[in-house]
Amino acid sequence: MNRPYKHLSELIALFQLTCEEDPIVMSIETDSRQVTAGSLFICVRGYTVDGHQYAQEAVGNGAAAILAEERIEGLTIPIIVLPDTKHAAGKVADLFYDHPSQKLRVYGITGTNGKTTTTKLTYDLFRSAGHRSGMISTVGAMIDGEMIDTPNTTPEAVILHRILYQMVERGVTDCVLEVSSHALMEGRIEGVRLYAAAFTNLTHDHLDYHASMEEYANAKSLLFKQVAVSGGQAVVLNEADETSRIMAHAAKGVPVIWYATKADSSARVTVEWKEETVSVQLDGTITEVPVFLLGDFNAANLAAAIGLLKAGEVNMYRLIQHIPELRLPKGRLERVPFEGCEVYIDYAHTPDGLEKCLKALSVPDEPLYMVLSAAGERDRSKRSAMGQIASQYCEGIIVTVHDPRMENPKRIITELIAEIAPRKIITCHETRKEALQIAAKIALTGKRIVIVGKGHERFERIGMQDIPFDEMEILTEELGRLSGHESAM
C-alpha cells in the first residue's frame, strides 16, 4: 500500500491557518500510543480520556506536530489550536488520505435496530453482484472478504478515513458503513462523501446520551443532511416508521426510495416474510424466493438493503437469485451449534429489538425461555420496559447483567425485574457466566432458550477493564460438560 504524506501547511490551510515550521506529516493519530516519527497528533476530548493529557507522550514517540483545543506549554514542536478537534479530525484525515470517499461509493446506514444486519446484507448482496466491496460495522470491517477489527460501531474519523483509503488502494468500489447516532454527533463521519443512505427505524434507546427522542431523531437526520451536501443519489427510507419523514426532510432534494414489508404497499421495494420464503416486489414485479432470515424485521432489513443496491444501479432481477445465500451477522439470532439443544444468541438490547427477537422465536405450544440483561451506565429508562416484554413472551426468565462498568449490578437487576411477573423469574445473577450456566442446564432439558444483550461481542466491560468473554464458547463448553461430550465447535 502506498504510504501517504502531506506538509503540515497543507492540512491546516483547511482552517485558513499558517505556521512558521512546516514539517512533513507521515501519519495522523488520536492515540498517543500509536504515534511514530512524523505523526500529527490530534488531541481529542473523550468521555473518560482527554488527549491533551497525552501530548507530551506523543512528542516523546516522535510526533511532528499537534492539533489541540488549547495551548500546551513546554513542547518544542508546532501546536495548532482549533476550537473543535473532534470534528476537525475528519476533515484533516480526508485531505491527508486524498479524499478516499470520493473514489468509491459510500452507503451509510442508521437507525436504532437493524443497522448491523442491513449493513451485512447490503455488503453480501454487492459482493454477489460482482462488486469489489467493503463494510464497516459493529462486527468489524471487511475489505472484499478480509476482516479488520474496529473499536466502535463507527470508528473515529481518522481510522475511518484510513480504512476507506485502504479500500481504495485495494480496488473497492462500494463501501457500506454502519453509522450510530453517537458517531454523527461526534463528527466521526466528518469529511465522508455519501453516495446514498438508509434508515431502519427509531425506537427507545440512548436516552442517557440524547435528552429526548426528538433530539435522538435529529441526531440520526444528520446522516441524511450529509447525503444532500454530498450530492448523493438516493436515501432509502422505511415507510412504516413515521420518523422517516424527518429523514426525508433532512435530505432535501435527494430522491427517496421507500421500502416496506406489506404486499399492499405502494413502496418501490417491498419484502414480505412468509416464514420459509420472502416475496420481493420491485417496481411492481413480484418474485418469491427461499430465505434463511427470521421475522418481519429482517424482511425490513433486507428491503432496506435492496433499496441501497437499487441506488447503486445493480441489476436487481439477477441479484434476487442470491437472496437464499444470505445469512445474518454473528450474534443476530445465532443458533448455538450443539446437537439436541435449541439455544440462540442475540444482540437485542432495546425494548423494540427485544420484542422483535422474541416474536421471531415464538412458536405455538413451544414455550420460550431467556436470559435477560441490561448494560451498566447506559439508558436506565428502558430496563423495566424490557422486563415487561420478556414477561409477555417468555415462560421463564434468568435475569443478569452485561457490561456493568462501574454501576452496581444489584440496581440493574432490580430495575429489570420491576415489571416481570414474579412467577416467571427463574433466578437472578450478578455474574453473567453463572446465568449462562443455568441457561445451559435448562436447554439440556429440551427447552428453547435465547440469550440477549451481548450478541457478537467477545468481552465484558467490568469496572474500567475489558475482560475476555465469549458467550458462544462458554455455552458450548458448559453444554458439553453437562452432557458429558464435546460440543460441535
Protein backbone atom coordinates (compact mmCIF):
# COMPACT_ATOMS: atom_id res chain seq x y z
CA MET A 1 0.00 0.00 0.00
CA ASN A 2 1.30 3.46 -0.88
CA ARG A 3 2.05 5.48 2.25
CA PRO A 4 0.51 8.96 2.11
CA TYR A 5 2.17 12.12 3.44
CA LYS A 6 1.42 15.83 3.50
CA HIS A 7 3.09 19.02 4.68
CA LEU A 8 1.51 20.42 7.85
CA SER A 9 0.80 23.66 5.97
CA GLU A 10 -1.46 21.78 3.52
CA LEU A 11 -3.53 20.30 6.34
CA ILE A 12 -4.03 23.45 8.40
CA ALA A 13 -4.85 25.50 5.30
CA LEU A 14 -8.28 23.84 5.65
CA PHE A 15 -8.84 26.22 8.58
CA GLN A 16 -7.17 29.27 6.98
CA LEU A 17 -4.17 28.85 9.29
CA THR A 18 -0.43 29.03 8.70
CA CYS A 19 2.64 28.18 10.75
CA GLU A 20 6.32 29.08 10.74
CA GLU A 21 7.51 25.49 10.79
CA ASP A 22 6.23 23.14 8.10
CA PRO A 23 7.15 19.53 8.93
CA ILE A 24 6.15 16.62 6.73
CA VAL A 25 3.28 14.64 8.29
CA MET A 26 3.67 10.90 7.78
CA SER A 27 0.58 9.75 9.71
CA ILE A 28 -2.33 11.08 11.77
CA GLU A 29 -3.13 9.68 15.21
CA THR A 30 -5.54 10.41 18.06
CA ASP A 31 -3.98 7.74 20.30
CA SER A 32 -0.57 8.80 21.63
CA ARG A 33 0.50 5.14 21.86
CA GLN A 34 0.24 4.84 18.07
CA VAL A 35 2.35 7.92 17.36
CA THR A 36 5.62 7.36 15.49
CA ALA A 37 8.18 9.65 13.88
CA GLY A 38 6.43 12.24 11.72
CA SER A 39 2.90 11.77 13.14
CA LEU A 40 0.40 14.59 13.55
CA PHE A 41 -1.18 14.00 16.96
CA ILE A 42 -4.74 15.30 17.33
CA CYS A 43 -5.78 15.91 20.95
CA VAL A 44 -9.43 14.85 21.29
CA ARG A 45 -11.52 15.08 24.46
CA GLY A 46 -13.39 11.82 25.04
CA TYR A 47 -15.80 10.53 27.70
CA THR A 48 -13.10 9.41 30.11
CA VAL A 49 -9.82 10.44 28.44
CA ASP A 50 -8.57 13.85 27.34
CA GLY A 51 -5.98 13.62 24.57
CA HIS A 52 -4.39 16.87 25.74
CA GLN A 53 -3.04 14.99 28.75
CA TYR A 54 -1.03 12.73 26.41
CA ALA A 55 0.58 15.40 24.25
CA GLN A 56 3.95 15.03 25.98
CA GLU A 57 3.86 11.24 25.39
CA ALA A 58 3.10 11.87 21.72
CA VAL A 59 6.11 14.16 21.44
CA GLY A 60 8.27 11.51 23.08
CA ASN A 61 7.06 8.99 20.49
CA GLY A 62 8.12 11.24 17.62
CA ALA A 63 5.13 13.50 16.84
CA ALA A 64 5.98 16.19 14.27
CA ALA A 65 3.08 18.50 15.23
CA ILE A 66 -0.02 18.66 17.41
CA LEU A 67 -3.61 19.82 16.83
CA ALA A 68 -5.20 20.87 20.12
CA GLU A 69 -8.02 22.96 21.55
CA GLU A 70 -5.71 24.87 23.89
CA ARG A 71 -2.08 25.90 24.19
CA ILE A 72 0.15 23.23 25.73
CA GLU A 73 3.22 24.59 27.48
CA GLY A 74 6.66 23.06 27.36
CA LEU A 75 6.51 21.43 23.91
CA THR A 76 9.04 22.15 21.17
CA ILE A 77 7.01 21.14 18.11
CA PRO A 78 4.31 23.14 16.29
CA ILE A 79 0.99 23.27 18.14
CA ILE A 80 -2.04 24.31 16.08
CA VAL A 81 -5.03 25.42 18.16
CA LEU A 82 -8.56 24.82 16.85
CA PRO A 83 -11.91 25.22 18.65
CA ASP A 84 -13.14 21.65 17.93
CA THR A 85 -10.52 19.00 17.19
CA LYS A 86 -13.06 16.17 17.24
CA HIS A 87 -14.86 17.50 14.17
CA ALA A 88 -11.66 18.84 12.59
CA ALA A 89 -10.09 15.35 12.67
CA GLY A 90 -12.31 14.04 9.87
CA LYS A 91 -11.59 16.96 7.57
CA VAL A 92 -7.84 16.64 8.18
CA ALA A 93 -7.90 12.86 7.65
CA ASP A 94 -9.96 13.21 4.47
CA LEU A 95 -7.35 15.54 2.97
CA PHE A 96 -4.39 13.51 4.27
CA TYR A 97 -5.72 10.34 2.63
CA ASP A 98 -6.55 12.17 -0.63
CA HIS A 99 -10.35 12.15 -0.25
CA PRO A 100 -10.90 8.35 -0.34
CA SER A 101 -14.71 8.58 -0.11
CA GLN A 102 -14.72 10.45 -3.43
CA LYS A 103 -13.06 7.46 -5.12
CA LEU A 104 -15.69 4.86 -4.20
CA ARG A 105 -19.40 4.82 -3.40
CA VAL A 106 -20.17 5.02 0.34
CA TYR A 107 -23.61 3.91 1.60
CA GLY A 108 -24.49 4.92 5.17
CA ILE A 109 -27.00 3.00 7.30
CA THR A 110 -28.51 4.29 10.54
CA GLY A 111 -31.45 3.55 12.84
CA THR A 112 -32.00 2.13 16.33
CA ASN A 113 -32.26 -1.53 15.38
CA GLY A 114 -31.25 -3.48 12.29
CA LYS A 115 -28.21 -1.38 11.32
CA THR A 116 -25.69 -4.21 11.55
CA THR A 117 -27.88 -6.75 9.78
CA THR A 118 -28.79 -4.32 7.00
CA THR A 119 -25.13 -3.39 6.59
CA LYS A 120 -24.07 -7.03 6.23
CA LEU A 121 -26.94 -7.93 3.88
CA THR A 122 -26.08 -4.95 1.66
CA TYR A 123 -22.40 -5.87 1.64
CA ASP A 124 -23.14 -9.52 0.83
CA LEU A 125 -25.50 -8.57 -1.98
CA PHE A 126 -22.95 -6.19 -3.51
CA ARG A 127 -20.38 -8.99 -3.48
CA SER A 128 -22.92 -11.36 -5.05
CA ALA A 129 -23.40 -8.78 -7.79
CA GLY A 130 -19.68 -8.97 -8.53
CA HIS A 131 -18.74 -5.64 -6.95
CA ARG A 132 -15.47 -5.39 -5.06
CA SER A 133 -16.99 -4.28 -1.75
CA GLY A 134 -16.17 -3.13 1.75
CA MET A 135 -18.10 -2.98 5.01
CA ILE A 136 -17.56 -1.07 8.27
CA SER A 137 -19.87 -2.06 11.13
CA THR A 138 -20.27 -3.11 14.76
CA VAL A 139 -18.92 -6.58 13.95
CA GLY A 140 -15.79 -5.16 12.29
CA ALA A 141 -14.63 -4.02 8.89
CA MET A 142 -14.43 -6.21 5.80
CA ILE A 143 -12.35 -5.43 2.74
CA ASP A 144 -13.51 -7.79 0.00
CA GLY A 145 -13.83 -10.72 2.41
CA GLU A 146 -10.94 -9.92 4.78
CA MET A 147 -11.91 -8.98 8.38
CA ILE A 148 -10.42 -5.97 10.18
CA ASP A 149 -11.39 -5.26 13.82
CA THR A 150 -12.83 -1.83 14.64
CA PRO A 151 -13.30 -0.34 18.14
CA ASN A 152 -16.80 1.17 17.69
CA THR A 153 -19.93 0.79 15.57
CA THR A 154 -18.48 3.66 13.53
CA PRO A 155 -14.70 4.08 14.01
CA GLU A 156 -13.41 7.52 14.97
CA ALA A 157 -12.81 9.77 11.98
CA VAL A 158 -9.08 9.22 11.45
CA ILE A 159 -9.42 5.43 11.50
CA LEU A 160 -12.49 5.61 9.24
CA HIS A 161 -10.69 7.59 6.54
CA ARG A 162 -7.68 5.28 6.88
CA ILE A 163 -9.86 2.24 6.24
CA LEU A 164 -11.53 3.96 3.28
CA TYR A 165 -8.06 4.72 1.90
CA GLN A 166 -7.09 1.05 2.27
CA MET A 167 -10.27 0.09 0.42
CA VAL A 168 -9.46 2.44 -2.45
CA GLU A 169 -5.92 1.04 -2.63
CA ARG A 170 -7.38 -2.46 -2.93
CA GLY A 171 -9.85 -1.59 -5.66
CA VAL A 172 -13.07 -1.47 -3.62
CA THR A 173 -15.88 0.29 -5.49
CA ASP A 174 -18.72 0.13 -2.94
CA CYS A 175 -18.44 0.54 0.85
CA VAL A 176 -21.34 0.00 3.28
CA LEU A 177 -20.99 1.98 6.51
CA GLU A 178 -22.98 1.46 9.72
CA VAL A 179 -23.48 4.84 11.42
CA SER A 180 -24.57 5.33 15.04
CA SER A 181 -26.15 8.50 16.44
CA HIS A 182 -23.10 8.92 18.68
CA ALA A 183 -20.87 8.88 15.58
CA LEU A 184 -23.00 11.56 13.92
CA MET A 185 -22.98 13.83 16.96
CA GLU A 186 -19.25 13.40 17.47
CA GLY A 187 -18.21 14.02 13.89
CA ARG A 188 -16.85 10.52 13.20
CA ILE A 189 -18.01 10.64 9.56
CA GLU A 190 -16.87 14.23 9.02
CA GLY A 191 -15.37 14.56 5.55
CA VAL A 192 -17.04 11.41 4.16
CA ARG A 193 -18.90 11.86 0.89
CA LEU A 194 -22.05 9.72 0.92
CA TYR A 195 -23.47 8.23 -2.26
CA ALA A 196 -26.68 7.07 -0.53
CA ALA A 197 -28.04 6.26 2.93
CA ALA A 198 -30.74 4.10 4.51
CA PHE A 199 -32.83 4.47 7.67
CA THR A 200 -34.14 1.39 9.50
CA ASN A 201 -36.26 2.69 12.42
CA LEU A 202 -36.23 4.83 15.54
CA THR A 203 -37.22 3.36 18.90
CA HIS A 204 -36.31 3.84 22.58
CA ASP A 205 -32.54 3.79 23.14
CA HIS A 206 -29.60 6.01 24.12
CA LEU A 207 -31.69 8.42 26.21
CA ASP A 208 -28.72 8.57 28.56
CA TYR A 209 -26.90 10.34 25.70
CA HIS A 210 -29.75 12.18 23.94
CA ALA A 211 -32.06 14.33 26.06
CA SER A 212 -35.22 13.18 24.23
CA MET A 213 -36.50 11.07 21.36
CA GLU A 214 -36.75 14.28 19.31
CA GLU A 215 -33.07 15.00 19.89
CA TYR A 216 -32.27 11.36 19.06
CA ALA A 217 -34.16 11.65 15.75
CA ASN A 218 -32.40 14.91 14.92
CA ALA A 219 -29.05 13.23 15.50
CA LYS A 220 -29.99 10.46 13.05
CA SER A 221 -31.10 13.05 10.50
CA LEU A 222 -27.54 14.40 10.29
CA LEU A 223 -26.68 11.41 8.09
CA PHE A 224 -29.29 12.41 5.53
CA LYS A 225 -28.22 16.05 5.58
CA GLN A 226 -24.74 14.79 4.76
CA VAL A 227 -26.11 12.82 1.78
CA ALA A 228 -27.66 16.03 0.46
CA VAL A 229 -24.46 18.03 0.99
CA SER A 230 -22.52 15.24 -0.74
CA GLY A 231 -24.76 15.41 -3.81
CA GLY A 232 -25.92 11.85 -3.06
CA GLN A 233 -28.04 9.74 -5.38
CA ALA A 234 -30.76 8.49 -3.03
CA VAL A 235 -32.00 7.95 0.51
CA VAL A 236 -33.76 4.68 1.38
CA LEU A 237 -36.50 5.09 3.98
CA ASN A 238 -38.87 2.87 5.97
CA GLU A 239 -42.48 3.57 5.03
CA ALA A 240 -43.70 2.10 8.34
CA ASP A 241 -41.67 4.46 10.57
CA GLU A 242 -43.01 8.00 10.97
CA THR A 243 -39.52 9.28 11.71
CA SER A 244 -38.64 8.60 8.07
CA ARG A 245 -40.35 11.90 7.24
CA ILE A 246 -37.74 13.73 9.32
CA MET A 247 -35.00 11.94 7.39
CA ALA A 248 -36.62 12.78 4.05
CA HIS A 249 -36.83 16.45 5.05
CA ALA A 250 -33.15 16.43 6.08
CA ALA A 251 -32.18 15.08 2.66
CA LYS A 252 -33.81 17.94 0.74
CA GLY A 253 -33.60 17.45 -2.99
CA VAL A 254 -32.35 13.85 -2.82
CA PRO A 255 -34.62 11.18 -4.41
CA VAL A 256 -36.31 8.88 -1.89
CA ILE A 257 -36.64 5.11 -2.33
CA TRP A 258 -39.36 3.92 0.06
CA TYR A 259 -39.43 0.33 1.31
CA ALA A 260 -42.00 -1.73 3.20
CA THR A 261 -42.88 -5.25 4.36
CA LYS A 262 -46.55 -5.31 3.34
CA ALA A 263 -47.62 -6.54 -0.09
CA ASP A 264 -50.30 -3.84 -0.43
CA SER A 265 -47.76 -1.03 -0.03
CA SER A 266 -47.04 1.38 -2.84
CA ALA A 267 -43.33 1.49 -1.89
CA ARG A 268 -40.81 0.87 -4.68
CA VAL A 269 -39.32 -2.04 -2.69
CA THR A 270 -41.38 -4.45 -0.58
CA VAL A 271 -40.21 -7.64 1.08
CA GLU A 272 -42.91 -9.73 2.75
CA TRP A 273 -41.75 -12.51 5.09
CA LYS A 274 -43.60 -15.85 4.72
CA GLU A 275 -41.57 -17.97 7.20
CA GLU A 276 -39.55 -20.03 4.72
CA THR A 277 -39.71 -17.60 1.80
CA VAL A 278 -39.90 -13.90 1.12
CA SER A 279 -41.95 -12.20 -1.55
CA VAL A 280 -39.84 -9.46 -3.14
CA GLN A 281 -41.65 -6.75 -5.10
CA LEU A 282 -39.56 -4.34 -7.16
CA ASP A 283 -41.35 -1.63 -9.11
CA GLY A 284 -44.44 -3.85 -9.40
CA THR A 285 -42.71 -7.13 -10.31
CA ILE A 286 -43.09 -9.86 -7.65
CA THR A 287 -40.68 -12.77 -7.07
CA GLU A 288 -40.86 -15.33 -4.26
CA VAL A 289 -37.57 -16.81 -3.07
CA PRO A 290 -36.50 -19.09 -0.18
CA VAL A 291 -34.69 -17.37 2.68
CA PHE A 292 -32.89 -18.19 5.95
CA LEU A 293 -33.87 -14.92 7.66
CA LEU A 294 -36.35 -14.95 10.57
CA GLY A 295 -39.12 -12.41 11.09
CA ASP A 296 -40.76 -9.34 9.59
CA PHE A 297 -37.99 -7.16 10.99
CA ASN A 298 -35.38 -8.99 8.94
CA ALA A 299 -37.62 -8.66 5.89
CA ALA A 300 -37.45 -4.91 6.54
CA ASN A 301 -33.67 -5.08 6.83
CA LEU A 302 -33.48 -6.94 3.52
CA ALA A 303 -35.80 -4.40 1.88
CA ALA A 304 -33.54 -1.55 3.02
CA ALA A 305 -30.51 -3.41 1.64
CA ILE A 306 -32.24 -3.95 -1.70
CA GLY A 307 -33.11 -0.24 -1.77
CA LEU A 308 -29.45 0.68 -1.39
CA LEU A 309 -28.44 -1.67 -4.19
CA LYS A 310 -31.13 -0.11 -6.32
CA ALA A 311 -29.49 3.26 -5.64
CA GLY A 312 -26.21 1.64 -6.66
CA GLU A 313 -27.67 0.69 -10.02
CA VAL A 314 -27.20 -3.04 -9.58
CA ASN A 315 -29.22 -5.37 -11.83
CA MET A 316 -31.81 -6.29 -9.21
CA TYR A 317 -33.56 -9.11 -11.02
CA ARG A 318 -30.33 -11.06 -11.47
CA LEU A 319 -29.46 -10.33 -7.86
CA ILE A 320 -32.65 -11.83 -6.40
CA GLN A 321 -31.31 -15.32 -7.12
CA HIS A 322 -28.62 -14.70 -4.46
CA ILE A 323 -31.09 -13.90 -1.63
CA PRO A 324 -31.26 -17.58 -0.48
CA GLU A 325 -27.48 -17.41 0.17
CA LEU A 326 -27.82 -14.57 2.70
CA ARG A 327 -27.06 -15.18 6.38
CA LEU A 328 -27.43 -12.97 9.45
CA PRO A 329 -24.34 -11.45 11.12
CA LYS A 330 -22.75 -13.11 14.14
CA GLY A 331 -24.81 -12.69 17.30
CA ARG A 332 -28.07 -11.93 15.50
CA LEU A 333 -30.49 -14.80 16.21
CA GLU A 334 -27.43 -17.04 16.01
CA ARG A 335 -28.08 -20.64 16.99
CA VAL A 336 -25.55 -22.34 19.26
CA PRO A 337 -24.18 -25.37 17.34
CA PHE A 338 -24.92 -28.09 19.92
CA GLU A 339 -26.91 -31.13 18.86
CA GLY A 340 -30.18 -31.68 20.69
CA CYS A 341 -30.43 -28.12 22.03
CA GLU A 342 -32.19 -25.04 20.72
CA VAL A 343 -30.23 -22.08 22.08
CA TYR A 344 -29.95 -18.68 20.39
CA ILE A 345 -27.69 -15.69 20.98
CA ASP A 346 -28.95 -12.24 20.03
CA TYR A 347 -27.70 -8.68 20.39
CA ALA A 348 -31.15 -7.31 21.39
CA HIS A 349 -30.62 -4.54 23.95
CA THR A 350 -33.58 -2.21 23.36
CA PRO A 351 -37.32 -2.76 24.03
CA ASP A 352 -38.15 -2.78 20.31
CA GLY A 353 -35.21 -5.03 19.41
CA LEU A 354 -36.09 -7.44 22.20
CA GLU A 355 -39.74 -7.68 21.16
CA LYS A 356 -38.81 -8.34 17.53
CA CYS A 357 -36.36 -11.03 18.60
CA LEU A 358 -38.87 -12.78 20.87
CA LYS A 359 -41.66 -12.53 18.29
CA ALA A 360 -39.43 -14.17 15.68
CA LEU A 361 -38.69 -17.08 18.04
CA SER A 362 -42.26 -17.53 19.31
CA VAL A 363 -43.84 -20.82 18.26
CA PRO A 364 -47.32 -22.01 19.38
CA ASP A 365 -47.19 -24.66 22.13
CA GLU A 366 -43.36 -24.38 22.38
CA PRO A 367 -42.54 -22.21 25.43
CA LEU A 368 -39.57 -19.87 25.17
CA TYR A 369 -37.09 -19.19 27.97
CA MET A 370 -34.49 -16.46 28.08
CA VAL A 371 -31.51 -14.81 29.71
CA LEU A 372 -32.40 -11.12 30.08
CA SER A 373 -29.82 -8.45 30.84
CA ALA A 374 -29.02 -4.75 30.60
CA ALA A 375 -25.77 -2.81 30.48
CA GLY A 376 -24.43 -0.66 33.29
CA GLU A 377 -24.15 3.12 32.97
CA ARG A 378 -26.47 3.15 29.98
CA ASP A 379 -30.08 4.28 29.44
CA ARG A 380 -31.82 3.11 32.63
CA SER A 381 -35.28 4.17 31.44
CA LYS A 382 -35.59 1.17 29.09
CA ARG A 383 -34.87 -1.56 31.67
CA SER A 384 -38.36 -2.06 33.13
CA ALA A 385 -39.88 -1.99 29.62
CA MET A 386 -37.53 -4.79 28.56
CA GLY A 387 -38.54 -6.80 31.62
CA GLN A 388 -42.22 -6.34 30.77
CA ILE A 389 -41.65 -7.53 27.18
CA ALA A 390 -39.69 -10.55 28.39
CA SER A 391 -42.52 -11.42 30.77
CA GLN A 392 -45.04 -11.17 27.94
CA TYR A 393 -43.27 -13.59 25.58
CA CYS A 394 -41.33 -15.96 27.83
CA GLU A 395 -42.30 -18.79 30.15
CA GLY A 396 -39.22 -18.38 32.32
CA ILE A 397 -36.54 -15.70 32.67
CA ILE A 398 -32.99 -15.77 34.03
CA VAL A 399 -32.05 -12.20 34.93
CA THR A 400 -28.47 -10.92 34.87
CA VAL A 401 -26.31 -8.01 33.65
CA HIS A 402 -23.78 -7.36 30.92
CA ASP A 403 -21.04 -4.74 30.79
CA PRO A 404 -21.84 -3.40 34.29
CA ARG A 405 -18.94 -0.93 34.12
CA MET A 406 -18.98 0.97 37.45
CA GLU A 407 -22.71 0.51 38.14
CA ASN A 408 -23.90 -1.80 40.93
CA PRO A 409 -25.31 -4.97 39.26
CA LYS A 410 -27.97 -5.18 42.01
CA ARG A 411 -29.53 -1.93 40.80
CA ILE A 412 -29.54 -3.11 37.17
CA ILE A 413 -31.32 -6.34 38.13
CA THR A 414 -33.81 -4.53 40.40
CA GLU A 415 -34.81 -2.23 37.53
CA LEU A 416 -35.04 -5.11 35.03
CA ILE A 417 -37.41 -7.19 37.19
CA ALA A 418 -39.72 -4.29 38.17
CA GLU A 419 -42.33 -5.28 35.55
CA ILE A 420 -41.67 -9.05 35.36
CA ALA A 421 -44.32 -11.37 36.78
CA PRO A 422 -42.56 -12.93 39.83
CA ARG A 423 -43.59 -16.47 38.86
CA LYS A 424 -41.60 -16.12 35.63
CA ILE A 425 -38.29 -15.25 37.29
CA ILE A 426 -36.16 -18.41 37.47
CA THR A 427 -33.04 -16.89 39.05
CA CYS A 428 -31.11 -13.60 39.20
CA HIS A 429 -27.32 -13.46 38.84
CA GLU A 430 -24.92 -10.56 39.24
CA THR A 431 -22.34 -12.64 37.35
CA ARG A 432 -23.27 -13.27 33.70
CA LYS A 433 -21.35 -16.54 33.43
CA GLU A 434 -23.50 -18.04 36.18
CA ALA A 435 -26.63 -17.09 34.23
CA LEU A 436 -25.26 -18.81 31.11
CA GLN A 437 -24.53 -21.96 33.11
CA ILE A 438 -28.14 -22.07 34.31
CA ALA A 439 -29.30 -21.47 30.73
CA ALA A 440 -27.26 -24.48 29.56
CA LYS A 441 -28.93 -26.71 32.17
CA ILE A 442 -32.37 -25.57 31.03
CA ALA A 443 -31.50 -26.11 27.37
CA LEU A 444 -30.46 -29.71 28.04
CA THR A 445 -33.96 -30.44 29.38
CA GLY A 446 -35.30 -29.73 25.87
CA LYS A 447 -36.46 -26.17 26.44
CA ARG A 448 -35.91 -23.43 23.84
CA ILE A 449 -33.85 -20.52 25.16
CA VAL A 450 -32.46 -17.22 23.88
CA ILE A 451 -29.66 -15.18 25.46
CA VAL A 452 -29.78 -11.46 24.70
CA GLY A 453 -27.58 -8.44 25.25
CA LYS A 454 -24.06 -9.29 24.07
CA GLY A 455 -24.52 -10.90 20.66
CA HIS A 456 -21.22 -10.96 18.75
CA GLU A 457 -19.16 -9.20 21.41
CA ARG A 458 -16.20 -11.07 22.89
CA PHE A 459 -15.51 -9.12 26.07
CA GLU A 460 -17.24 -7.79 29.21
CA ARG A 461 -16.75 -4.22 30.43
CA ILE A 462 -16.32 -4.62 34.20
CA GLY A 463 -15.15 -1.56 36.11
CA MET A 464 -12.63 0.17 33.86
CA GLN A 465 -11.47 -3.06 32.21
CA ASP A 466 -12.45 -5.09 29.15
CA ILE A 467 -12.45 -8.75 30.21
CA PRO A 468 -12.43 -11.51 27.53
CA PHE A 469 -15.90 -13.09 27.47
CA ASP A 470 -17.08 -15.31 24.60
CA GLU A 471 -20.69 -16.38 25.16
CA MET A 472 -20.68 -18.93 22.36
CA GLU A 473 -17.58 -20.57 23.80
CA ILE A 474 -18.91 -20.51 27.39
CA LEU A 475 -22.25 -22.02 26.37
CA THR A 476 -20.85 -24.79 24.19
CA GLU A 477 -18.28 -25.75 26.83
CA GLU A 478 -20.93 -25.84 29.57
CA LEU A 479 -23.36 -27.83 27.39
CA GLY A 480 -20.57 -30.27 26.62
CA ARG A 481 -19.58 -30.59 30.27
CA LEU A 482 -23.14 -31.14 31.49
CA SER A 483 -23.99 -33.64 28.76
CA GLY A 484 -20.69 -35.50 29.08
CA HIS A 485 -19.48 -34.96 25.49
CA GLU A 486 -17.70 -32.35 23.40
CA SER A 487 -19.54 -29.54 21.64
CA ALA A 488 -19.77 -29.17 17.87
CA MET A 489 -17.33 -26.24 17.88
